[in-house]
Amino acid sequence: MNKIKLYWDLINIGLISLAAFLIIGIMLSLPLWLLWNWLMPYIFGLPTINIAQSFGLSILTNILFSSNFNLNEKN
C-alpha cells in the first residue's frame, strides 16, 4: 500500500510539472506568436503561425542561440 502511494505521488508531481512547463511555455510564446502574425506576413510574405508553432519556434531559438552551450569548452 505504501508503494502505491509513493508511485501515485510521483505521477502527480510529474503531471503538475508537465502542466506548469506547458502553461509557462505557452504564456512566454504569446508575444512571439502575436508579433510574427502581425509583422512577418506583411514584411516578408511568410505565412502566419499558430500558438503551437510559436512554442516550438521559441524552443528552437533557445536551443540554437543559448549562451550556455559551448562546443570549445574543455574540462
Protein backbone atom coordinates (compact mmCIF):
# COMPACT_ATOMS: atom_id res chain seq x y z
CA MET A 1 0.00 0.00 0.00
CA ASN A 2 2.88 2.36 0.76
CA LYS A 3 4.49 1.74 -2.66
CA ILE A 4 1.26 2.59 -4.46
CA LYS A 5 1.02 5.91 -2.61
CA LEU A 6 4.65 6.69 -3.46
CA TYR A 7 4.09 5.95 -7.16
CA TRP A 8 0.89 7.96 -7.16
CA ASP A 9 2.70 10.93 -5.58
CA LEU A 10 5.48 10.71 -8.19
CA ILE A 11 2.95 10.60 -11.03
CA ASN A 12 1.15 13.64 -9.58
CA ILE A 13 4.41 15.59 -9.31
CA GLY A 14 5.28 14.68 -12.88
CA LEU A 15 1.90 15.73 -14.22
CA ILE A 16 1.96 19.01 -12.31
CA SER A 17 5.46 19.73 -13.60
CA LEU A 18 4.45 18.97 -17.18
CA ALA A 19 1.37 21.18 -16.91
CA ALA A 20 3.41 24.04 -15.42
CA PHE A 21 6.01 23.71 -18.21
CA LEU A 22 3.32 23.87 -20.90
CA ILE A 23 1.42 26.77 -19.34
CA ILE A 24 4.54 28.87 -18.77
CA GLY A 25 5.89 27.98 -22.21
CA ILE A 26 2.68 28.99 -23.94
CA MET A 27 2.47 32.23 -21.96
CA LEU A 28 6.04 33.09 -22.98
CA SER A 29 5.27 32.18 -26.62
CA LEU A 30 2.32 34.55 -26.91
CA PRO A 31 4.42 37.67 -27.71
CA LEU A 32 6.35 35.77 -30.41
CA TRP A 33 3.09 34.49 -31.91
CA LEU A 34 1.45 37.92 -31.94
CA LEU A 35 4.48 39.72 -33.35
CA TRP A 36 5.09 37.05 -36.00
CA ASN A 37 1.50 37.14 -37.24
CA TRP A 38 1.46 40.92 -37.19
CA LEU A 39 4.77 41.59 -38.96
CA MET A 40 6.11 38.64 -40.95
CA PRO A 41 3.26 38.16 -43.46
CA TYR A 42 3.34 41.83 -44.44
CA ILE A 43 7.10 42.41 -44.46
CA PHE A 44 8.45 39.13 -45.85
CA GLY A 45 5.34 37.38 -47.20
CA LEU A 46 5.69 34.49 -44.75
CA PRO A 47 2.64 32.51 -43.58
CA THR A 48 1.01 33.02 -40.22
CA ILE A 49 1.70 30.51 -37.45
CA ASN A 50 -0.40 29.07 -34.65
CA ILE A 51 0.45 29.07 -30.95
CA ALA A 52 1.91 25.53 -31.01
CA GLN A 53 4.27 26.50 -33.83
CA SER A 54 5.24 29.59 -31.87
CA PHE A 55 6.02 27.41 -28.85
CA GLY A 56 8.20 25.14 -30.99
CA LEU A 57 9.92 28.11 -32.58
CA SER A 58 10.74 29.59 -29.19
CA ILE A 59 12.22 26.25 -28.06
CA LEU A 60 14.25 26.03 -31.28
CA THR A 61 15.63 29.54 -30.93
CA ASN A 62 16.50 28.84 -27.30
CA ILE A 63 18.47 25.76 -28.35
CA LEU A 64 20.23 27.49 -31.25
CA PHE A 65 21.06 30.76 -29.55
CA SER A 66 21.63 29.65 -25.96
CA SER A 67 24.66 31.28 -24.38
CA ASN A 68 25.33 28.28 -22.09
CA PHE A 69 26.16 25.93 -24.97
CA ASN A 70 29.85 25.93 -25.87
CA LEU A 71 31.48 23.41 -28.22
CA ASN A 72 35.02 24.58 -27.42
CA GLU A 73 34.75 24.08 -23.66
CA LYS A 74 37.47 21.80 -22.32
CA ASN A 75 37.49 20.18 -18.89
